[in-house]
Amino acid sequence: MYHAIALLLVALLLSCAEVSQTPLVAASSAFIAGMVIFSGSLYALSFTGIKWLGAITPLGGAAFLIGWGCLTVAAFGFK
């Protein structure tokens, strides 16, 4: 839920001309990848019962962390 709100925040920041767009594009890509990998692996694990899909879930969490980092860089204008 919070990552969907963050994705909306990224879209709002992308509409501003004053903000550098490179970290925002990276943040949006990381949030989308995190949603697909994290949630997708958990759904697939619960529906199929294939245990090794649980090992993929932390990759989605890492993508979320990368997305938050990129959003922080964009929000505070670190260079």
N, C-alpha and C. Protein backbone atom coordinates (compact mmCIF):
# COMPACT_ATOMS: atom_id res chain seq x y z
N MET A 1 0.82 -1.18 0.00
CA MET A 1 0.00 0.00 0.00
C MET A 1 0.88 1.26 0.00
N TYR A 2 1.89 1.28 0.84
CA TYR A 2 2.74 2.47 0.92
C TYR A 2 3.55 2.67 -0.35
N HIS A 3 3.88 1.59 -1.00
CA HIS A 3 4.67 1.72 -2.22
C HIS A 3 3.82 2.24 -3.37
N ALA A 4 2.54 1.95 -3.36
CA ALA A 4 1.65 2.53 -4.37
C ALA A 4 1.52 4.04 -4.16
N ILE A 5 1.46 4.45 -2.90
CA ILE A 5 1.42 5.88 -2.59
C ILE A 5 2.74 6.54 -3.01
N ALA A 6 3.84 5.85 -2.77
CA ALA A 6 5.15 6.38 -3.19
C ALA A 6 5.22 6.51 -4.71
N LEU A 7 4.64 5.56 -5.42
CA LEU A 7 4.62 5.64 -6.88
C LEU A 7 3.80 6.84 -7.35
N LEU A 8 2.71 7.14 -6.65
CA LEU A 8 1.93 8.34 -6.97
C LEU A 8 2.74 9.61 -6.67
N LEU A 9 3.51 9.59 -5.59
CA LEU A 9 4.38 10.71 -5.25
C LEU A 9 5.44 10.92 -6.32
N VAL A 10 6.00 9.83 -6.82
CA VAL A 10 6.99 9.92 -7.90
C VAL A 10 6.35 10.54 -9.15
N ALA A 11 5.15 10.13 -9.46
CA ALA A 11 4.46 10.70 -10.63
C ALA A 11 4.21 12.19 -10.43
N LEU A 12 3.87 12.58 -9.21
CA LEU A 12 3.65 14.00 -8.92
C LEU A 12 4.95 14.78 -9.05
N LEU A 13 6.04 14.22 -8.54
CA LEU A 13 7.34 14.90 -8.66
C LEU A 13 7.82 14.96 -10.11
N LEU A 14 7.50 13.94 -10.90
CA LEU A 14 7.89 13.95 -12.31
C LEU A 14 7.18 15.06 -13.09
N SER A 15 6.01 15.46 -12.60
CA SER A 15 5.29 16.53 -13.29
C SER A 15 5.89 17.90 -13.00
N CYS A 16 6.73 17.99 -11.95
CA CYS A 16 7.41 19.25 -11.63
C CYS A 16 8.64 19.39 -12.52
N ALA A 17 8.85 20.56 -13.05
CA ALA A 17 9.99 20.77 -13.93
C ALA A 17 11.28 21.05 -13.16
N GLU A 18 11.19 21.40 -11.87
CA GLU A 18 12.35 21.80 -11.09
C GLU A 18 13.17 20.62 -10.57
N VAL A 19 12.63 19.44 -10.62
CA VAL A 19 13.27 18.28 -10.02
C VAL A 19 13.98 17.47 -11.09
N SER A 20 15.17 16.96 -10.77
CA SER A 20 15.90 16.10 -11.70
C SER A 20 15.10 14.82 -11.93
N GLN A 21 14.96 14.42 -13.17
CA GLN A 21 14.09 13.30 -13.48
C GLN A 21 14.79 11.95 -13.45
N THR A 22 16.11 11.91 -13.53
CA THR A 22 16.82 10.63 -13.57
C THR A 22 16.58 9.78 -12.33
N PRO A 23 16.74 10.32 -11.10
CA PRO A 23 16.47 9.46 -9.94
C PRO A 23 14.99 9.11 -9.79
N LEU A 24 14.11 9.95 -10.30
CA LEU A 24 12.69 9.64 -10.21
C LEU A 24 12.30 8.50 -11.14
N VAL A 25 12.89 8.48 -12.32
CA VAL A 25 12.63 7.37 -13.24
C VAL A 25 13.17 6.07 -12.65
N ALA A 26 14.35 6.15 -12.02
CA ALA A 26 14.92 4.98 -11.37
C ALA A 26 14.05 4.53 -10.20
N ALA A 27 13.51 5.50 -9.44
CA ALA A 27 12.64 5.16 -8.31
C ALA A 27 11.37 4.49 -8.79
N SER A 28 10.76 5.02 -9.83
CA SER A 28 9.52 4.42 -10.32
C SER A 28 9.77 3.01 -10.86
N SER A 29 10.89 2.82 -11.55
CA SER A 29 11.22 1.49 -12.05
C SER A 29 11.46 0.51 -10.90
N ALA A 30 12.15 0.97 -9.86
CA ALA A 30 12.43 0.11 -8.72
C ALA A 30 11.15 -0.23 -7.96
N PHE A 31 10.25 0.74 -7.78
CA PHE A 31 8.98 0.46 -7.10
C PHE A 31 8.14 -0.54 -7.87
N ILE A 32 8.07 -0.37 -9.18
CA ILE A 32 7.28 -1.31 -9.99
C ILE A 32 7.89 -2.70 -9.96
N ALA A 33 9.23 -2.76 -10.09
CA ALA A 33 9.90 -4.07 -10.02
C ALA A 33 9.69 -4.70 -8.65
N GLY A 34 9.77 -3.90 -7.60
CA GLY A 34 9.54 -4.42 -6.25
C GLY A 34 8.14 -4.96 -6.06
N MET A 35 7.16 -4.25 -6.59
CA MET A 35 5.77 -4.72 -6.48
C MET A 35 5.57 -6.04 -7.20
N VAL A 36 6.13 -6.13 -8.38
CA VAL A 36 5.96 -7.35 -9.17
C VAL A 36 6.72 -8.52 -8.54
N ILE A 37 7.97 -8.30 -8.17
CA ILE A 37 8.78 -9.39 -7.63
C ILE A 37 8.32 -9.79 -6.24
N PHE A 38 8.13 -8.82 -5.35
CA PHE A 38 7.76 -9.13 -3.97
C PHE A 38 6.37 -9.77 -3.91
N SER A 39 5.39 -9.05 -4.43
CA SER A 39 4.02 -9.57 -4.36
C SER A 39 3.83 -10.78 -5.26
N GLY A 40 4.41 -10.72 -6.44
CA GLY A 40 4.26 -11.83 -7.38
C GLY A 40 4.83 -13.13 -6.86
N SER A 41 5.99 -13.05 -6.21
CA SER A 41 6.58 -14.28 -5.68
C SER A 41 5.75 -14.83 -4.52
N LEU A 42 5.18 -13.96 -3.71
CA LEU A 42 4.34 -14.44 -2.60
C LEU A 42 3.03 -15.04 -3.11
N TYR A 43 2.43 -14.41 -4.11
CA TYR A 43 1.22 -14.98 -4.71
C TYR A 43 1.53 -16.33 -5.36
N ALA A 44 2.60 -16.37 -6.11
CA ALA A 44 2.96 -17.63 -6.77
C ALA A 44 3.27 -18.72 -5.74
N LEU A 45 3.93 -18.35 -4.65
CA LEU A 45 4.24 -19.31 -3.59
C LEU A 45 2.96 -19.84 -2.96
N SER A 46 2.01 -18.97 -2.71
CA SER A 46 0.78 -19.42 -2.05
C SER A 46 -0.11 -20.24 -2.99
N PHE A 47 -0.10 -19.92 -4.28
CA PHE A 47 -0.96 -20.66 -5.21
C PHE A 47 -0.34 -21.97 -5.67
N THR A 48 0.98 -22.00 -5.83
CA THR A 48 1.60 -23.20 -6.36
C THR A 48 2.25 -24.08 -5.31
N GLY A 49 2.68 -23.47 -4.20
CA GLY A 49 3.36 -24.23 -3.16
C GLY A 49 4.81 -24.53 -3.46
N ILE A 50 5.34 -23.95 -4.52
CA ILE A 50 6.75 -24.15 -4.87
C ILE A 50 7.59 -23.33 -3.89
N LYS A 51 8.36 -24.01 -3.05
CA LYS A 51 9.05 -23.36 -1.94
C LYS A 51 10.17 -22.41 -2.37
N TRP A 52 10.86 -22.67 -3.47
CA TRP A 52 11.98 -21.83 -3.85
C TRP A 52 11.53 -20.43 -4.27
N LEU A 53 10.24 -20.23 -4.52
CA LEU A 53 9.75 -18.89 -4.85
C LEU A 53 9.87 -17.94 -3.67
N GLY A 54 9.91 -18.50 -2.46
CA GLY A 54 10.10 -17.67 -1.28
C GLY A 54 11.48 -17.03 -1.24
N ALA A 55 12.44 -17.63 -1.90
CA ALA A 55 13.80 -17.07 -1.93
C ALA A 55 13.89 -15.85 -2.84
N ILE A 56 12.93 -15.66 -3.72
CA ILE A 56 12.94 -14.52 -4.63
C ILE A 56 12.37 -13.27 -3.96
N THR A 57 11.54 -13.46 -2.95
CA THR A 57 10.85 -12.36 -2.29
C THR A 57 11.79 -11.26 -1.78
N PRO A 58 12.93 -11.58 -1.15
CA PRO A 58 13.82 -10.50 -0.69
C PRO A 58 14.36 -9.61 -1.82
N LEU A 59 14.43 -10.13 -3.04
CA LEU A 59 14.85 -9.29 -4.16
C LEU A 59 13.85 -8.16 -4.39
N GLY A 60 12.58 -8.46 -4.21
CA GLY A 60 11.56 -7.42 -4.31
C GLY A 60 11.69 -6.40 -3.20
N GLY A 61 12.01 -6.87 -1.99
CA GLY A 61 12.24 -5.95 -0.89
C GLY A 61 13.45 -5.06 -1.14
N ALA A 62 14.48 -5.62 -1.73
CA ALA A 62 15.66 -4.82 -2.08
C ALA A 62 15.31 -3.77 -3.13
N ALA A 63 14.45 -4.13 -4.07
CA ALA A 63 14.02 -3.16 -5.09
C ALA A 63 13.23 -2.02 -4.43
N PHE A 64 12.42 -2.35 -3.42
CA PHE A 64 11.71 -1.30 -2.68
C PHE A 64 12.70 -0.35 -2.00
N LEU A 65 13.73 -0.90 -1.37
CA LEU A 65 14.72 -0.07 -0.71
C LEU A 65 15.46 0.83 -1.71
N ILE A 66 15.77 0.28 -2.86
CA ILE A 66 16.42 1.08 -3.90
C ILE A 66 15.48 2.21 -4.36
N GLY A 67 14.22 1.89 -4.49
CA GLY A 67 13.23 2.91 -4.87
C GLY A 67 13.14 4.04 -3.86
N TRP A 68 13.13 3.69 -2.56
CA TRP A 68 13.09 4.72 -1.53
C TRP A 68 14.36 5.55 -1.54
N GLY A 69 15.49 4.91 -1.78
CA GLY A 69 16.75 5.64 -1.85
C GLY A 69 16.76 6.63 -3.01
N CYS A 70 16.30 6.19 -4.16
CA CYS A 70 16.25 7.08 -5.33
C CYS A 70 15.26 8.22 -5.10
N LEU A 71 14.16 7.93 -4.44
CA LEU A 71 13.18 8.98 -4.14
C LEU A 71 13.77 10.00 -3.17
N THR A 72 14.55 9.54 -2.21
CA THR A 72 15.22 10.45 -1.27
C THR A 72 16.22 11.34 -2.00
N VAL A 73 16.99 10.73 -2.90
CA VAL A 73 17.95 11.51 -3.68
C VAL A 73 17.23 12.58 -4.50
N ALA A 74 16.12 12.21 -5.09
CA ALA A 74 15.37 13.18 -5.90
C ALA A 74 14.73 14.27 -5.04
N ALA A 75 14.22 13.89 -3.89
CA ALA A 75 13.51 14.86 -3.05
C ALA A 75 14.44 15.89 -2.44
N PHE A 76 15.63 15.45 -2.02
CA PHE A 76 16.55 16.35 -1.37
C PHE A 76 17.61 16.90 -2.31
N GLY A 77 17.61 16.45 -3.53
CA GLY A 77 18.52 17.00 -4.53
C GLY A 77 19.98 16.67 -4.31
N PHE A 78 20.27 15.50 -3.75
CA PHE A 78 21.67 15.09 -3.58
C PHE A 78 22.29 14.89 -4.96
N LYS A 79 23.57 15.18 -5.06
CA LYS A 79 24.23 14.98 -6.34
C LYS A 79 25.44 14.13 -6.18
